[in-house]
Amino acid sequence: MPVNEERGTEPLPEGQVTYEMKSAHEAANFLRISESTVWRYAAQDILPAYRVGKKRVMFRRSDLEGLLSRLRKRKEPMAAKEELRMFPMFEGARPAADAMTRAKEVRDRILARRGGVPVTDSWMDINESREGRTADL
């Protein structure tokens, strides 16, 4: 942390390194992750944590930046998701543009099985069931 000479603190000896420290909440905001993830990373030694005093735990900004760069590198290959969407997930899959055509084909097959009689809307059955329960009260 930078030394504030206006408060009368002693200047640091020459060559001593200072670090900008952040709390778990600030680290979470910096990394754009939840605070519980920050604590999990600290417990798994993914993110070094430093005890300041008896109870406080802080994180170096330089460590946060290093983790952030590692996370970004790890996510870069996933940017190819757009390319993966072009390939069907299983054999015989059709493009999404045919979705309406497929839905109509399914509807026609169901109608053919039912002898041309459409399936009734479920709301009628639901309302009938509700009316029966209300009458029983």
C-alpha atoms as a PDB file:
ATOM      1  CA  MET A   1       0.000   0.000   0.000  1.00  0.00           C
ATOM      2  CA  PRO A   2       1.334   3.437  -0.796  1.00  0.00           C
ATOM      3  CA  VAL A   3       2.729   5.379   2.138  1.00  0.00           C
ATOM      4  CA  ASN A   4       0.775   8.490   3.048  1.00  0.00           C
ATOM      5  CA  GLU A   5       3.428  10.912   4.239  1.00  0.00           C
ATOM      6  CA  GLU A   6       0.843  13.534   5.268  1.00  0.00           C
ATOM      7  CA  ARG A   7      -0.206  11.326   8.185  1.00  0.00           C
ATOM      8  CA  GLY A   8       3.321  11.204   9.544  1.00  0.00           C
ATOM      9  CA  THR A   9       4.049   7.588   8.681  1.00  0.00           C
ATOM     10  CA  GLU A  10       7.633   6.589   8.228  1.00  0.00           C
ATOM     11  CA  PRO A  11       8.794   6.375   4.618  1.00  0.00           C
ATOM     12  CA  LEU A  12       9.660   2.903   3.418  1.00  0.00           C
ATOM     13  CA  PRO A  13      13.293   1.886   3.260  1.00  0.00           C
ATOM     14  CA  GLU A  14      14.719   2.118  -0.222  1.00  0.00           C
ATOM     15  CA  GLY A  15      14.115  -0.991  -2.320  1.00  0.00           C
ATOM     16  CA  GLN A  16      11.199  -2.262  -0.219  1.00  0.00           C
ATOM     17  CA  VAL A  17       8.280  -3.287  -2.398  1.00  0.00           C
ATOM     18  CA  THR A  18       4.702  -2.322  -1.598  1.00  0.00           C
ATOM     19  CA  TYR A  19       1.616  -4.030  -2.950  1.00  0.00           C
ATOM     20  CA  GLU A  20      -1.854  -2.765  -3.540  1.00  0.00           C
ATOM     21  CA  MET A  21      -4.068  -5.053  -1.476  1.00  0.00           C
ATOM     22  CA  LYS A  22      -7.757  -5.769  -1.945  1.00  0.00           C
ATOM     23  CA  SER A  23     -10.366  -7.351   0.274  1.00  0.00           C
ATOM     24  CA  ALA A  24     -12.297 -10.430  -0.860  1.00  0.00           C
ATOM     25  CA  HIS A  25     -15.223  -8.220  -1.870  1.00  0.00           C
ATOM     26  CA  GLU A  26     -12.984  -5.907  -3.894  1.00  0.00           C
ATOM     27  CA  ALA A  27     -11.200  -8.892  -5.445  1.00  0.00           C
ATOM     28  CA  ALA A  28     -14.540 -10.398  -6.478  1.00  0.00           C
ATOM     29  CA  ASN A  29     -15.569  -7.136  -8.138  1.00  0.00           C
ATOM     30  CA  PHE A  30     -12.187  -6.858  -9.846  1.00  0.00           C
ATOM     31  CA  LEU A  31     -12.372 -10.421 -11.221  1.00  0.00           C
ATOM     32  CA  ARG A  32     -16.125 -10.194 -11.890  1.00  0.00           C
ATOM     33  CA  ILE A  33     -16.823 -13.372  -9.957  1.00  0.00           C
ATOM     34  CA  SER A  34     -18.666 -14.050  -6.718  1.00  0.00           C
ATOM     35  CA  GLU A  35     -17.019 -13.544  -3.359  1.00  0.00           C
ATOM     36  CA  SER A  36     -17.495 -17.238  -2.548  1.00  0.00           C
ATOM     37  CA  THR A  37     -15.500 -18.100  -5.677  1.00  0.00           C
ATOM     38  CA  VAL A  38     -12.669 -15.857  -4.451  1.00  0.00           C
ATOM     39  CA  TRP A  39     -12.627 -17.756  -1.145  1.00  0.00           C
ATOM     40  CA  ARG A  40     -12.755 -21.107  -2.973  1.00  0.00           C
ATOM     41  CA  TYR A  41      -9.804 -20.066  -5.180  1.00  0.00           C
ATOM     42  CA  ALA A  42      -7.888 -19.063  -2.039  1.00  0.00           C
ATOM     43  CA  ALA A  43      -8.661 -22.404  -0.357  1.00  0.00           C
ATOM     44  CA  GLN A  44      -7.537 -24.299  -3.472  1.00  0.00           C
ATOM     45  CA  ASP A  45      -4.310 -22.235  -3.716  1.00  0.00           C
ATOM     46  CA  ILE A  46      -5.382 -20.872  -7.092  1.00  0.00           C
ATOM     47  CA  LEU A  47      -5.271 -17.347  -5.679  1.00  0.00           C
ATOM     48  CA  PRO A  48      -2.707 -16.493  -2.972  1.00  0.00           C
ATOM     49  CA  ALA A  49      -4.223 -14.883   0.113  1.00  0.00           C
ATOM     50  CA  TYR A  50      -2.347 -12.918   2.751  1.00  0.00           C
ATOM     51  CA  ARG A  51      -3.313 -12.494   6.381  1.00  0.00           C
ATOM     52  CA  VAL A  52      -3.158  -8.876   7.521  1.00  0.00           C
ATOM     53  CA  GLY A  53      -3.395  -8.693  11.279  1.00  0.00           C
ATOM     54  CA  LYS A  54      -5.189 -11.422  13.204  1.00  0.00           C
ATOM     55  CA  LYS A  55      -8.404 -11.653  11.205  1.00  0.00           C
ATOM     56  CA  ARG A  56      -8.166  -9.830   7.897  1.00  0.00           C
ATOM     57  CA  VAL A  57      -7.302 -11.635   4.680  1.00  0.00           C
ATOM     58  CA  MET A  58      -6.264  -9.608   1.657  1.00  0.00           C
ATOM     59  CA  PHE A  59      -5.289 -10.298  -1.933  1.00  0.00           C
ATOM     60  CA  ARG A  60      -2.528  -8.638  -3.966  1.00  0.00           C
ATOM     61  CA  ARG A  61      -3.665  -6.785  -7.037  1.00  0.00           C
ATOM     62  CA  SER A  62      -0.775  -8.288  -9.011  1.00  0.00           C
ATOM     63  CA  ASP A  63      -1.989 -11.797  -8.096  1.00  0.00           C
ATOM     64  CA  LEU A  64      -5.513 -10.851  -9.152  1.00  0.00           C
ATOM     65  CA  GLU A  65      -4.249  -9.542 -12.487  1.00  0.00           C
ATOM     66  CA  GLY A  66      -2.262 -12.744 -13.021  1.00  0.00           C
ATOM     67  CA  LEU A  67      -5.312 -14.871 -12.291  1.00  0.00           C
ATOM     68  CA  LEU A  68      -7.415 -12.710 -14.573  1.00  0.00           C
ATOM     69  CA  SER A  69      -4.984 -13.184 -17.455  1.00  0.00           C
ATOM     70  CA  ARG A  70      -4.943 -16.966 -16.838  1.00  0.00           C
ATOM     71  CA  LEU A  71      -8.747 -17.077 -16.816  1.00  0.00           C
ATOM     72  CA  ARG A  72      -8.922 -15.095 -20.044  1.00  0.00           C
ATOM     73  CA  LYS A  73      -6.415 -17.412 -21.748  1.00  0.00           C
ATOM     74  CA  ARG A  74      -8.413 -20.428 -20.630  1.00  0.00           C
ATOM     75  CA  LYS A  75     -11.631 -18.971 -22.026  1.00  0.00           C
ATOM     76  CA  GLU A  76     -10.210 -18.009 -25.420  1.00  0.00           C
ATOM     77  CA  PRO A  77     -10.602 -21.459 -27.005  1.00  0.00           C
ATOM     78  CA  MET A  78     -14.260 -21.370 -26.014  1.00  0.00           C
ATOM     79  CA  ALA A  79     -14.737 -18.426 -28.373  1.00  0.00           C
ATOM     80  CA  ALA A  80     -14.964 -21.082 -31.071  1.00  0.00           C
ATOM     81  CA  LYS A  81     -18.482 -21.953 -29.840  1.00  0.00           C
ATOM     82  CA  GLU A  82     -19.889 -20.015 -32.777  1.00  0.00           C
ATOM     83  CA  GLU A  83     -18.134 -22.416 -35.118  1.00  0.00           C
ATOM     84  CA  LEU A  84     -19.487 -25.432 -33.222  1.00  0.00           C
ATOM     85  CA  ARG A  85     -23.077 -24.271 -33.721  1.00  0.00           C
ATOM     86  CA  MET A  86     -22.688 -24.854 -37.450  1.00  0.00           C
ATOM     87  CA  PHE A  87     -22.258 -28.596 -36.956  1.00  0.00           C
ATOM     88  CA  PRO A  88     -25.150 -30.905 -36.067  1.00  0.00           C
ATOM     89  CA  MET A  89     -24.994 -32.512 -32.659  1.00  0.00           C
ATOM     90  CA  PHE A  90     -26.083 -35.922 -33.950  1.00  0.00           C
ATOM     91  CA  GLU A  91     -26.365 -37.805 -37.229  1.00  0.00           C
ATOM     92  CA  GLY A  92     -29.330 -36.861 -39.363  1.00  0.00           C
ATOM     93  CA  ALA A  93     -29.862 -33.504 -37.672  1.00  0.00           C
ATOM     94  CA  ARG A  94     -31.436 -30.823 -39.801  1.00  0.00           C
ATOM     95  CA  PRO A  95     -30.735 -27.088 -39.700  1.00  0.00           C
ATOM     96  CA  ALA A  96     -32.843 -24.979 -37.314  1.00  0.00           C
ATOM     97  CA  ALA A  97     -34.440 -23.228 -40.305  1.00  0.00           C
ATOM     98  CA  ASP A  98     -36.506 -26.377 -40.898  1.00  0.00           C
ATOM     99  CA  ALA A  99     -38.022 -26.264 -37.402  1.00  0.00           C
ATOM    100  CA  MET A 100     -41.468 -25.126 -38.567  1.00  0.00           C
ATOM    101  CA  THR A 101     -41.503 -27.697 -41.362  1.00  0.00           C
ATOM    102  CA  ARG A 102     -40.627 -30.462 -38.901  1.00  0.00           C
ATOM    103  CA  ALA A 103     -43.285 -29.268 -36.440  1.00  0.00           C
ATOM    104  CA  LYS A 104     -45.933 -29.404 -39.182  1.00  0.00           C
ATOM    105  CA  GLU A 105     -44.798 -32.904 -40.170  1.00  0.00           C
ATOM    106  CA  VAL A 106     -45.156 -34.085 -36.572  1.00  0.00           C
ATOM    107  CA  ARG A 107     -48.590 -32.474 -36.315  1.00  0.00           C
ATOM    108  CA  ASP A 108     -49.702 -34.198 -39.537  1.00  0.00           C
ATOM    109  CA  ARG A 109     -48.481 -37.605 -38.284  1.00  0.00           C
ATOM    110  CA  ILE A 110     -50.365 -37.176 -35.002  1.00  0.00           C
ATOM    111  CA  LEU A 111     -53.516 -36.140 -36.841  1.00  0.00           C
ATOM    112  CA  ALA A 112     -53.204 -39.173 -39.147  1.00  0.00           C
ATOM    113  CA  ARG A 113     -52.897 -41.508 -36.117  1.00  0.00           C
ATOM    114  CA  ARG A 114     -55.942 -39.917 -34.490  1.00  0.00           C
ATOM    115  CA  GLY A 115     -58.054 -40.210 -37.665  1.00  0.00           C
ATOM    116  CA  GLY A 116     -57.968 -36.470 -38.318  1.00  0.00           C
ATOM    117  CA  VAL A 117     -59.354 -35.562 -34.871  1.00  0.00           C
ATOM    118  CA  PRO A 118     -57.130 -32.909 -33.252  1.00  0.00           C
ATOM    119  CA  VAL A 119     -55.987 -33.177 -29.653  1.00  0.00           C
ATOM    120  CA  THR A 120     -58.134 -31.043 -27.351  1.00  0.00           C
ATOM    121  CA  ASP A 121     -56.559 -28.125 -25.558  1.00  0.00           C
ATOM    122  CA  SER A 122     -55.392 -29.039 -22.075  1.00  0.00           C
ATOM    123  CA  TRP A 123     -56.844 -25.903 -20.511  1.00  0.00           C
ATOM    124  CA  MET A 124     -60.321 -27.425 -20.747  1.00  0.00           C
ATOM    125  CA  ASP A 125     -59.255 -30.466 -18.719  1.00  0.00           C
ATOM    126  CA  ILE A 126     -57.455 -28.289 -16.187  1.00  0.00           C
ATOM    127  CA  ASN A 127     -60.479 -26.029 -15.667  1.00  0.00           C
ATOM    128  CA  GLU A 128     -62.760 -29.049 -15.319  1.00  0.00           C
ATOM    129  CA  SER A 129     -60.448 -30.507 -12.677  1.00  0.00           C
ATOM    130  CA  ARG A 130     -60.346 -27.183 -10.782  1.00  0.00           C
ATOM    131  CA  GLU A 131     -64.131 -26.896 -10.820  1.00  0.00           C
ATOM    132  CA  GLY A 132     -64.404 -30.430  -9.445  1.00  0.00           C
ATOM    133  CA  ARG A 133     -61.992 -29.671  -6.579  1.00  0.00           C
ATOM    134  CA  THR A 134     -63.803 -26.397  -5.809  1.00  0.00           C
ATOM    135  CA  ALA A 135     -67.111 -28.233  -5.624  1.00  0.00           C
ATOM    136  CA  ASP A 136     -65.613 -30.737  -3.172  1.00  0.00           C
ATOM    137  CA  LEU A 137     -64.613 -27.977  -0.757  1.00  0.00           C
END
